[in-house]
Each structure stands twice: as C-alpha cells, then as structure tokens.
Amino acid sequence: MEFDDKLKSIIMVGAAKAVKCGPCLEHAVNWAVEAGCSEADIAQALGVGAKVRDGAHQMMSDQADEQLADVLEVVGINVITPLQAEDGCGDAPCPCR
C-alpha cells in the first residue's frame, strides 16, 4: 500500500503533535493544507497526536511511580503519601515542590 501525500501529511501532523516539535508541526500543517487536507482532517490528526502523547506520558509516569515504590520498599523507606504541590501553587515554582 502506497500512502498519498494527503495521508502522509496527516500522519506527520499527528506525529509532530505527539512529540511536541513546533517546527515539525508548522511544516506538517502547511504540507497538509497544500495536500488538500481540510481543517477537520488537521484537527482530528492533532487530537490523535495529543492523545498518543498524553497516553504515553501517563504510562511512563505510572511506571516510574511503580519503580520508585519498589526501590523505596527495598531500602526500607515507607512513604505513605508522596509530596504534592500545595493548593494554589499552580505551575509556578514554590517551596513545596
């Protein structure tokens, strides 16, 4: 099966969104428009790319948490609740992080 330029460009849009590459995304969206993709096509590809990125992030975060729990158990450290940012901290750096 040979992919046409329209399909290749849509795949590239989703992949660029998934890896958070701004220059790649700019190129991919321009290429998608030139290849005849609609706004709806591009929006759907962006949505799929974001879901792939967010799913991968969540899976890796969960895996890291499990590995940390295993290490803490081996060294005898009992952490009941991991340190969480205090309410109202948002994304700004604060002393609780």
PDB file of N, CA and C in Angstrom:
ATOM      1  N   MET A   1       0.854  -1.184   0.000  1.00  0.00           N
ATOM      2  CA  MET A   1       0.000   0.000   0.000  1.00  0.00           C
ATOM      3  C   MET A   1       0.892   1.236   0.000  1.00  0.00           C
ATOM      4  N   GLU A   2       0.663   2.094  -0.930  1.00  0.00           N
ATOM      5  CA  GLU A   2       1.415   3.341  -1.039  1.00  0.00           C
ATOM      6  C   GLU A   2       0.552   4.483  -0.493  1.00  0.00           C
ATOM      7  N   PHE A   3       1.072   5.231   0.480  1.00  0.00           N
ATOM      8  CA  PHE A   3       0.334   6.358   1.031  1.00  0.00           C
ATOM      9  C   PHE A   3       0.468   7.551   0.093  1.00  0.00           C
ATOM     10  N   ASP A   4      -0.619   8.284  -0.107  1.00  0.00           N
ATOM     11  CA  ASP A   4      -0.546   9.512  -0.895  1.00  0.00           C
ATOM     12  C   ASP A   4      -0.081  10.660   0.013  1.00  0.00           C
ATOM     13  N   ASP A   5       0.197  11.805  -0.594  1.00  0.00           N
ATOM     14  CA  ASP A   5       0.713  12.951   0.170  1.00  0.00           C
ATOM     15  C   ASP A   5      -0.261  13.420   1.242  1.00  0.00           C
ATOM     16  N   LYS A   6      -1.556  13.323   0.967  1.00  0.00           N
ATOM     17  CA  LYS A   6      -2.560  13.754   1.940  1.00  0.00           C
ATOM     18  C   LYS A   6      -2.465  12.909   3.210  1.00  0.00           C
ATOM     19  N   LEU A   7      -2.412  11.600   3.054  1.00  0.00           N
ATOM     20  CA  LEU A   7      -2.321  10.716   4.215  1.00  0.00           C
ATOM     21  C   LEU A   7      -0.987  10.885   4.941  1.00  0.00           C
ATOM     22  N   LYS A   8       0.096  10.983   4.181  1.00  0.00           N
ATOM     23  CA  LYS A   8       1.413  11.184   4.794  1.00  0.00           C
ATOM     24  C   LYS A   8       1.432  12.473   5.621  1.00  0.00           C
ATOM     25  N   SER A   9       0.841  13.533   5.084  1.00  0.00           N
ATOM     26  CA  SER A   9       0.868  14.810   5.798  1.00  0.00           C
ATOM     27  C   SER A   9       0.037  14.749   7.075  1.00  0.00           C
ATOM     28  N   ILE A  10      -1.086  14.041   7.034  1.00  0.00           N
ATOM     29  CA  ILE A  10      -1.925  13.901   8.237  1.00  0.00           C
ATOM     30  C   ILE A  10      -1.188  13.084   9.295  1.00  0.00           C
ATOM     31  N   ILE A  11      -0.515  12.028   8.887  1.00  0.00           N
ATOM     32  CA  ILE A  11       0.289  11.242   9.834  1.00  0.00           C
ATOM     33  C   ILE A  11       1.371  12.120  10.441  1.00  0.00           C
ATOM     34  N   MET A  12       1.999  12.939   9.597  1.00  0.00           N
ATOM     35  CA  MET A  12       3.064  13.825  10.081  1.00  0.00           C
ATOM     36  C   MET A  12       2.526  14.850  11.083  1.00  0.00           C
ATOM     37  N   VAL A  13       1.324  15.361  10.849  1.00  0.00           N
ATOM     38  CA  VAL A  13       0.711  16.314  11.782  1.00  0.00           C
ATOM     39  C   VAL A  13       0.531  15.654  13.149  1.00  0.00           C
ATOM     40  N   GLY A  14      -0.046  14.458  13.165  1.00  0.00           N
ATOM     41  CA  GLY A  14      -0.257  13.760  14.429  1.00  0.00           C
ATOM     42  C   GLY A  14       1.046  13.431  15.131  1.00  0.00           C
ATOM     43  N   ALA A  15       2.042  12.988  14.370  1.00  0.00           N
ATOM     44  CA  ALA A  15       3.338  12.643  14.964  1.00  0.00           C
ATOM     45  C   ALA A  15       4.030  13.879  15.532  1.00  0.00           C
ATOM     46  N   ALA A  16       3.976  14.979  14.795  1.00  0.00           N
ATOM     47  CA  ALA A  16       4.608  16.215  15.270  1.00  0.00           C
ATOM     48  C   ALA A  16       3.950  16.708  16.551  1.00  0.00           C
ATOM     49  N   LYS A  17       2.630  16.588  16.627  1.00  0.00           N
ATOM     50  CA  LYS A  17       1.913  16.979  17.847  1.00  0.00           C
ATOM     51  C   LYS A  17       2.307  16.069  19.005  1.00  0.00           C
ATOM     52  N   ALA A  18       2.432  14.769  18.720  1.00  0.00           N
ATOM     53  CA  ALA A  18       2.773  13.807  19.766  1.00  0.00           C
ATOM     54  C   ALA A  18       4.141  14.075  20.366  1.00  0.00           C
ATOM     55  N   VAL A  19       5.104  14.494  19.555  1.00  0.00           N
ATOM     56  CA  VAL A  19       6.464  14.714  20.060  1.00  0.00           C
ATOM     57  C   VAL A  19       6.733  16.176  20.413  1.00  0.00           C
ATOM     58  N   LYS A  20       5.715  17.022  20.282  1.00  0.00           N
ATOM     59  CA  LYS A  20       5.814  18.440  20.647  1.00  0.00           C
ATOM     60  C   LYS A  20       6.919  19.181  19.892  1.00  0.00           C
ATOM     61  N   CYS A  21       7.018  18.932  18.600  1.00  0.00           N
ATOM     62  CA  CYS A  21       8.023  19.614  17.790  1.00  0.00           C
ATOM     63  C   CYS A  21       7.353  20.752  17.028  1.00  0.00           C
ATOM     64  N   GLY A  22       7.550  21.966  17.499  1.00  0.00           N
ATOM     65  CA  GLY A  22       6.928  23.131  16.874  1.00  0.00           C
ATOM     66  C   GLY A  22       7.288  23.307  15.409  1.00  0.00           C
ATOM     67  N   PRO A  23       8.578  23.286  15.058  1.00  0.00           N
ATOM     68  CA  PRO A  23       8.929  23.434  13.640  1.00  0.00           C
ATOM     69  C   PRO A  23       8.365  22.301  12.778  1.00  0.00           C
ATOM     70  N   CYS A  24       8.377  21.081  13.311  1.00  0.00           N
ATOM     71  CA  CYS A  24       7.808  19.944  12.573  1.00  0.00           C
ATOM     72  C   CYS A  24       6.318  20.154  12.364  1.00  0.00           C
ATOM     73  N   LEU A  25       5.644  20.615  13.400  1.00  0.00           N
ATOM     74  CA  LEU A  25       4.198  20.830  13.336  1.00  0.00           C
ATOM     75  C   LEU A  25       3.857  21.917  12.323  1.00  0.00           C
ATOM     76  N   GLU A  26       4.620  22.985  12.340  1.00  0.00           N
ATOM     77  CA  GLU A  26       4.389  24.065  11.374  1.00  0.00           C
ATOM     78  C   GLU A  26       4.549  23.541   9.944  1.00  0.00           C
ATOM     79  N   HIS A  27       5.610  22.796   9.703  1.00  0.00           N
ATOM     80  CA  HIS A  27       5.844  22.232   8.371  1.00  0.00           C
ATOM     81  C   HIS A  27       4.724  21.260   7.998  1.00  0.00           C
ATOM     82  N   ALA A  28       4.351  20.391   8.933  1.00  0.00           N
ATOM     83  CA  ALA A  28       3.346  19.365   8.658  1.00  0.00           C
ATOM     84  C   ALA A  28       1.986  19.982   8.345  1.00  0.00           C
ATOM     85  N   VAL A  29       1.594  20.997   9.107  1.00  0.00           N
ATOM     86  CA  VAL A  29       0.299  21.637   8.861  1.00  0.00           C
ATOM     87  C   VAL A  29       0.308  22.329   7.497  1.00  0.00           C
ATOM     88  N   ASN A  30       1.394  23.021   7.182  1.00  0.00           N
ATOM     89  CA  ASN A  30       1.483  23.662   5.864  1.00  0.00           C
ATOM     90  C   ASN A  30       1.414  22.627   4.748  1.00  0.00           C
ATOM     91  N   TRP A  31       2.115  21.514   4.925  1.00  0.00           N
ATOM     92  CA  TRP A  31       2.106  20.453   3.926  1.00  0.00           C
ATOM     93  C   TRP A  31       0.699  19.851   3.807  1.00  0.00           C
ATOM     94  N   ALA A  32       0.019  19.663   4.940  1.00  0.00           N
ATOM     95  CA  ALA A  32      -1.332  19.107   4.923  1.00  0.00           C
ATOM     96  C   ALA A  32      -2.288  20.011   4.156  1.00  0.00           C
ATOM     97  N   VAL A  33      -2.170  21.311   4.374  1.00  0.00           N
ATOM     98  CA  VAL A  33      -3.023  22.261   3.643  1.00  0.00           C
ATOM     99  C   VAL A  33      -2.726  22.178   2.146  1.00  0.00           C
ATOM    100  N   GLU A  34      -1.441  22.168   1.790  1.00  0.00           N
ATOM    101  CA  GLU A  34      -1.054  22.073   0.376  1.00  0.00           C
ATOM    102  C   GLU A  34      -1.536  20.765  -0.253  1.00  0.00           C
ATOM    103  N   ALA A  35      -1.593  19.695   0.546  1.00  0.00           N
ATOM    104  CA  ALA A  35      -2.014  18.390   0.040  1.00  0.00           C
ATOM    105  C   ALA A  35      -3.533  18.268  -0.065  1.00  0.00           C
ATOM    106  N   GLY A  36      -4.263  19.279   0.429  1.00  0.00           N
ATOM    107  CA  GLY A  36      -5.715  19.275   0.297  1.00  0.00           C
ATOM    108  C   GLY A  36      -6.472  18.794   1.518  1.00  0.00           C
ATOM    109  N   CYS A  37      -5.823  18.715   2.658  1.00  0.00           N
ATOM    110  CA  CYS A  37      -6.500  18.300   3.893  1.00  0.00           C
ATOM    111  C   CYS A  37      -7.399  19.427   4.387  1.00  0.00           C
ATOM    112  N   SER A  38      -8.539  19.045   4.921  1.00  0.00           N
ATOM    113  CA  SER A  38      -9.466  20.037   5.463  1.00  0.00           C
ATOM    114  C   SER A  38      -9.067  20.420   6.886  1.00  0.00           C
ATOM    115  N   GLU A  39      -9.687  21.484   7.382  1.00  0.00           N
ATOM    116  CA  GLU A  39      -9.460  21.874   8.780  1.00  0.00           C
ATOM    117  C   GLU A  39      -9.859  20.741   9.716  1.00  0.00           C
ATOM    118  N   ALA A  40     -10.944  20.056   9.395  1.00  0.00           N
ATOM    119  CA  ALA A  40     -11.413  18.939  10.229  1.00  0.00           C
ATOM    120  C   ALA A  40     -10.394  17.794  10.238  1.00  0.00           C
ATOM    121  N   ASP A  41      -9.786  17.518   9.065  1.00  0.00           N
ATOM    122  CA  ASP A  41      -8.750  16.479   8.993  1.00  0.00           C
ATOM    123  C   ASP A  41      -7.568  16.829   9.903  1.00  0.00           C
ATOM    124  N   ILE A  42      -7.131  18.067   9.817  1.00  0.00           N
ATOM    125  CA  ILE A  42      -5.978  18.520  10.604  1.00  0.00           C
ATOM    126  C   ILE A  42      -6.321  18.511  12.086  1.00  0.00           C
ATOM    127  N   ALA A  43      -7.512  18.976  12.432  1.00  0.00           N
ATOM    128  CA  ALA A  43      -7.934  18.982  13.840  1.00  0.00           C
ATOM    129  C   ALA A  43      -7.976  17.568  14.397  1.00  0.00           C
ATOM    130  N   GLN A  44      -8.480  16.622  13.603  1.00  0.00           N
ATOM    131  CA  GLN A  44      -8.535  15.236  14.068  1.00  0.00           C
ATOM    132  C   GLN A  44      -7.133  14.667  14.258  1.00  0.00           C
ATOM    133  N   ALA A  45      -6.228  14.953  13.345  1.00  0.00           N
ATOM    134  CA  ALA A  45      -4.847  14.473  13.474  1.00  0.00           C
ATOM    135  C   ALA A  45      -4.173  15.075  14.707  1.00  0.00           C
ATOM    136  N   LEU A  46      -4.431  16.352  14.973  1.00  0.00           N
ATOM    137  CA  LEU A  46      -3.880  16.996  16.174  1.00  0.00           C
ATOM    138  C   LEU A  46      -4.427  16.336  17.431  1.00  0.00           C
ATOM    139  N   GLY A  47      -5.707  16.009  17.422  1.00  0.00           N
ATOM    140  CA  GLY A  47      -6.322  15.343  18.571  1.00  0.00           C
ATOM    141  C   GLY A  47      -5.735  13.967  18.813  1.00  0.00           C
ATOM    142  N   VAL A  48      -5.529  13.208  17.746  1.00  0.00           N
ATOM    143  CA  VAL A  48      -4.934  11.870  17.888  1.00  0.00           C
ATOM    144  C   VAL A  48      -3.503  11.994  18.416  1.00  0.00           C
ATOM    145  N   GLY A  49      -2.746  12.927  17.871  1.00  0.00           N
ATOM    146  CA  GLY A  49      -1.363  13.120  18.334  1.00  0.00           C
ATOM    147  C   GLY A  49      -1.307  13.480  19.812  1.00  0.00           C
ATOM    148  N   ALA A  50      -2.221  14.338  20.249  1.00  0.00           N
ATOM    149  CA  ALA A  50      -2.266  14.727  21.665  1.00  0.00           C
ATOM    150  C   ALA A  50      -2.624  13.537  22.545  1.00  0.00           C
ATOM    151  N   LYS A  51      -3.555  12.694  22.078  1.00  0.00           N
ATOM    152  CA  LYS A  51      -3.928  11.506  22.855  1.00  0.00           C
ATOM    153  C   LYS A  51      -2.767  10.529  22.962  1.00  0.00           C
ATOM    154  N   VAL A  52      -2.030  10.351  21.883  1.00  0.00           N
ATOM    155  CA  VAL A  52      -0.862   9.459  21.914  1.00  0.00           C
ATOM    156  C   VAL A  52       0.163   9.995  22.907  1.00  0.00           C
ATOM    157  N   ARG A  53       0.465  11.296  22.819  1.00  0.00           N
ATOM    158  CA  ARG A  53       1.436  11.919  23.725  1.00  0.00           C
ATOM    159  C   ARG A  53       0.985  11.800  25.178  1.00  0.00           C
ATOM    160  N   ASP A  54      -0.270  12.139  25.452  1.00  0.00           N
ATOM    161  CA  ASP A  54      -0.763  12.113  26.826  1.00  0.00           C
ATOM    162  C   ASP A  54      -0.827  10.691  27.376  1.00  0.00           C
ATOM    163  N   GLY A  55      -1.211   9.737  26.530  1.00  0.00           N
ATOM    164  CA  GLY A  55      -1.246   8.339  26.966  1.00  0.00           C
ATOM    165  C   GLY A  55       0.132   7.814  27.286  1.00  0.00           C
ATOM    166  N   ALA A  56       1.100   8.136  26.432  1.00  0.00           N
ATOM    167  CA  ALA A  56       2.477   7.700  26.679  1.00  0.00           C
ATOM    168  C   ALA A  56       3.024   8.340  27.947  1.00  0.00           C
ATOM    169  N   HIS A  57       2.728   9.617  28.136  1.00  0.00           N
ATOM    170  CA  HIS A  57       3.192  10.312  29.340  1.00  0.00           C
ATOM    171  C   HIS A  57       2.623   9.655  30.595  1.00  0.00           C
ATOM    172  N   GLN A  58       1.339   9.362  30.570  1.00  0.00           N
ATOM    173  CA  GLN A  58       0.700   8.751  31.743  1.00  0.00           C
ATOM    174  C   GLN A  58       1.273   7.367  32.021  1.00  0.00           C
ATOM    175  N   MET A  59       1.472   6.569  30.979  1.00  0.00           N
ATOM    176  CA  MET A  59       2.020   5.224  31.168  1.00  0.00           C
ATOM    177  C   MET A  59       3.431   5.283  31.742  1.00  0.00           C
ATOM    178  N   MET A  60       4.258   6.190  31.231  1.00  0.00           N
ATOM    179  CA  MET A  60       5.632   6.293  31.733  1.00  0.00           C
ATOM    180  C   MET A  60       5.651   6.831  33.160  1.00  0.00           C
ATOM    181  N   SER A  61       4.756   7.750  33.474  1.00  0.00           N
ATOM    182  CA  SER A  61       4.663   8.281  34.825  1.00  0.00           C
ATOM    183  C   SER A  61       4.247   7.187  35.806  1.00  0.00           C
ATOM    184  N   ASP A  62       3.254   6.389  35.412  1.00  0.00           N
ATOM    185  CA  ASP A  62       2.815   5.280  36.266  1.00  0.00           C
ATOM    186  C   ASP A  62       3.946   4.274  36.477  1.00  0.00           C
ATOM    187  N   GLN A  63       4.676   3.970  35.407  1.00  0.00           N
ATOM    188  CA  GLN A  63       5.788   3.026  35.506  1.00  0.00           C
ATOM    189  C   GLN A  63       6.870   3.570  36.437  1.00  0.00           C
ATOM    190  N   ALA A  64       7.177   4.853  36.331  1.00  0.00           N
ATOM    191  CA  ALA A  64       8.182   5.461  37.200  1.00  0.00           C
ATOM    192  C   ALA A  64       7.739   5.415  38.662  1.00  0.00           C
ATOM    193  N   ASP A  65       6.459   5.669  38.914  1.00  0.00           N
ATOM    194  CA  ASP A  65       5.935   5.599  40.278  1.00  0.00           C
ATOM    195  C   ASP A  65       6.057   4.187  40.846  1.00  0.00           C
ATOM    196  N   GLU A  66       5.765   3.188  40.022  1.00  0.00           N
ATOM    197  CA  GLU A  66       5.883   1.791  40.467  1.00  0.00           C
ATOM    198  C   GLU A  66       7.337   1.430  40.762  1.00  0.00           C
ATOM    199  N   GLN A  67       8.247   1.867  39.899  1.00  0.00           N
ATOM    200  CA  GLN A  67       9.660   1.584  40.120  1.00  0.00           C
ATOM    201  C   GLN A  67      10.161   2.274  41.386  1.00  0.00           C
ATOM    202  N   LEU A  68       9.728   3.499  41.607  1.00  0.00           N
ATOM    203  CA  LEU A  68      10.118   4.218  42.811  1.00  0.00           C
ATOM    204  C   LEU A  68       9.597   3.504  44.047  1.00  0.00           C
ATOM    205  N   ALA A  69       8.369   3.055  44.011  1.00  0.00           N
ATOM    206  CA  ALA A  69       7.800   2.327  45.152  1.00  0.00           C
ATOM    207  C   ALA A  69       8.611   1.069  45.446  1.00  0.00           C
ATOM    208  N   ASP A  70       9.029   0.360  44.398  1.00  0.00           N
ATOM    209  CA  ASP A  70       9.852  -0.839  44.584  1.00  0.00           C
ATOM    210  C   ASP A  70      11.191  -0.502  45.230  1.00  0.00           C
ATOM    211  N   VAL A  71      11.817   0.562  44.756  1.00  0.00           N
ATOM    212  CA  VAL A  71      13.121   0.972  45.309  1.00  0.00           C
ATOM    213  C   VAL A  71      12.967   1.390  46.763  1.00  0.00           C
ATOM    214  N   LEU A  72      11.947   2.174  47.054  1.00  0.00           N
ATOM    215  CA  LEU A  72      11.729   2.623  48.431  1.00  0.00           C
ATOM    216  C   LEU A  72      11.490   1.436  49.358  1.00  0.00           C
ATOM    217  N   GLU A  73      10.763   0.460  48.882  1.00  0.00           N
ATOM    218  CA  GLU A  73      10.500  -0.731  49.690  1.00  0.00           C
ATOM    219  C   GLU A  73      11.797  -1.493  49.964  1.00  0.00           C
ATOM    220  N   VAL A  74      12.634  -1.628  48.956  1.00  0.00           N
ATOM    221  CA  VAL A  74      13.902  -2.353  49.111  1.00  0.00           C
ATOM    222  C   VAL A  74      14.809  -1.665  50.127  1.00  0.00           C
ATOM    223  N   VAL A  75      14.852  -0.341  50.107  1.00  0.00           N
ATOM    224  CA  VAL A  75      15.736   0.374  51.026  1.00  0.00           C
ATOM    225  C   VAL A  75      15.061   0.671  52.364  1.00  0.00           C
ATOM    226  N   GLY A  76      13.820   0.264  52.512  1.00  0.00           N
ATOM    227  CA  GLY A  76      13.142   0.390  53.798  1.00  0.00           C
ATOM    228  C   GLY A  76      12.542   1.743  54.090  1.00  0.00           C
ATOM    229  N   ILE A  77      12.259   2.510  53.059  1.00  0.00           N
ATOM    230  CA  ILE A  77      11.634   3.816  53.258  1.00  0.00           C
ATOM    231  C   ILE A  77      10.142   3.662  53.023  1.00  0.00           C
ATOM    232  N   ASN A  78       9.346   4.085  54.013  1.00  0.00           N
ATOM    233  CA  ASN A  78       7.901   3.967  53.919  1.00  0.00           C
ATOM    234  C   ASN A  78       7.313   5.348  53.678  1.00  0.00           C
ATOM    235  N   VAL A  79       6.963   5.622  52.459  1.00  0.00           N
ATOM    236  CA  VAL A  79       6.338   6.891  52.107  1.00  0.00           C
ATOM    237  C   VAL A  79       4.871   6.606  51.849  1.00  0.00           C
ATOM    238  N   ILE A  80       4.033   7.086  52.750  1.00  0.00           N
ATOM    239  CA  ILE A  80       2.595   6.825  52.617  1.00  0.00           C
ATOM    240  C   ILE A  80       2.000   7.681  51.518  1.00  0.00           C
ATOM    241  N   THR A  81       2.271   8.975  51.538  1.00  0.00           N
ATOM    242  CA  THR A  81       1.748   9.885  50.535  1.00  0.00           C
ATOM    243  C   THR A  81       2.898  10.686  49.957  1.00  0.00           C
ATOM    244  N   PRO A  82       3.094  10.612  48.649  1.00  0.00           N
ATOM    245  CA  PRO A  82       4.168  11.416  48.060  1.00  0.00           C
ATOM    246  C   PRO A  82       3.891  12.901  48.221  1.00  0.00           C
ATOM    247  N   LEU A  83       4.945  13.695  48.238  1.00  0.00           N
ATOM    248  CA  LEU A  83       4.814  15.137  48.358  1.00  0.00           C
ATOM    249  C   LEU A  83       4.021  15.680  47.182  1.00  0.00           C
ATOM    250  N   GLN A  84       3.009  16.443  47.468  1.00  0.00           N
ATOM    251  CA  GLN A  84       2.175  17.044  46.435  1.00  0.00           C
ATOM    252  C   GLN A  84       2.295  18.557  46.544  1.00  0.00           C
ATOM    253  N   ALA A  85       2.109  19.226  45.432  1.00  0.00           N
ATOM    254  CA  ALA A  85       2.088  20.681  45.455  1.00  0.00           C
ATOM    255  C   ALA A  85       0.898  21.122  46.297  1.00  0.00           C
ATOM    256  N   GLU A  86       1.094  22.189  47.048  1.00  0.00           N
ATOM    257  CA  GLU A  86       0.014  22.709  47.875  1.00  0.00           C
ATOM    258  C   GLU A  86      -1.043  23.366  46.999  1.00  0.00           C
ATOM    259  N   ASP A  87      -2.269  23.437  47.510  1.00  0.00           N
ATOM    260  CA  ASP A  87      -3.344  24.091  46.769  1.00  0.00           C
ATOM    261  C   ASP A  87      -2.947  25.523  46.450  1.00  0.00           C
ATOM    262  N   GLY A  88      -3.253  25.926  45.250  1.00  0.00           N
ATOM    263  CA  GLY A  88      -2.976  27.292  44.846  1.00  0.00           C
ATOM    264  C   GLY A  88      -1.603  27.510  44.253  1.00  0.00           C
ATOM    265  N   CYS A  89      -0.762  26.462  44.208  1.00  0.00           N
ATOM    266  CA  CYS A  89       0.583  26.635  43.660  1.00  0.00           C
ATOM    267  C   CYS A  89       0.565  26.712  42.139  1.00  0.00           C
ATOM    268  N   GLY A  90      -0.372  26.017  41.522  1.00  0.00           N
ATOM    269  CA  GLY A  90      -0.416  26.012  40.067  1.00  0.00           C
ATOM    270  C   GLY A  90       0.873  25.451  39.514  1.00  0.00           C
ATOM    271  N   ASP A  91       1.325  26.026  38.401  1.00  0.00           N
ATOM    272  CA  ASP A  91       2.554  25.574  37.771  1.00  0.00           C
ATOM    273  C   ASP A  91       3.767  26.390  38.213  1.00  0.00           C
ATOM    274  N   ALA A  92       3.547  27.404  39.020  1.00  0.00           N
ATOM    275  CA  ALA A  92       4.652  28.253  39.441  1.00  0.00           C
ATOM    276  C   ALA A  92       5.534  27.510  40.449  1.00  0.00           C
ATOM    277  N   PRO A  93       6.852  27.762  40.389  1.00  0.00           N
ATOM    278  CA  PRO A  93       7.721  27.135  41.393  1.00  0.00           C
ATOM    279  C   PRO A  93       7.346  27.607  42.790  1.00  0.00           C
ATOM    280  N   CYS A  94       7.374  26.690  43.737  1.00  0.00           N
ATOM    281  CA  CYS A  94       7.061  27.056  45.107  1.00  0.00           C
ATOM    282  C   CYS A  94       7.876  26.168  46.052  1.00  0.00           C
ATOM    283  N   PRO A  95       7.954  26.522  47.320  1.00  0.00           N
ATOM    284  CA  PRO A  95       8.780  25.756  48.254  1.00  0.00           C
ATOM    285  C   PRO A  95       8.284  24.351  48.522  1.00  0.00           C
ATOM    286  N   CYS A  96       7.025  24.046  48.165  1.00  0.00           N
ATOM    287  CA  CYS A  96       6.509  22.708  48.463  1.00  0.00           C
ATOM    288  C   CYS A  96       6.923  21.691  47.395  1.00  0.00           C
ATOM    289  N   ARG A  97       7.579  22.119  46.355  1.00  0.00           N
ATOM    290  CA  ARG A  97       7.975  21.174  45.294  1.00  0.00           C
ATOM    291  C   ARG A  97       9.397  20.755  45.468  1.00  0.00           C
TER     292      ARG A  97
END
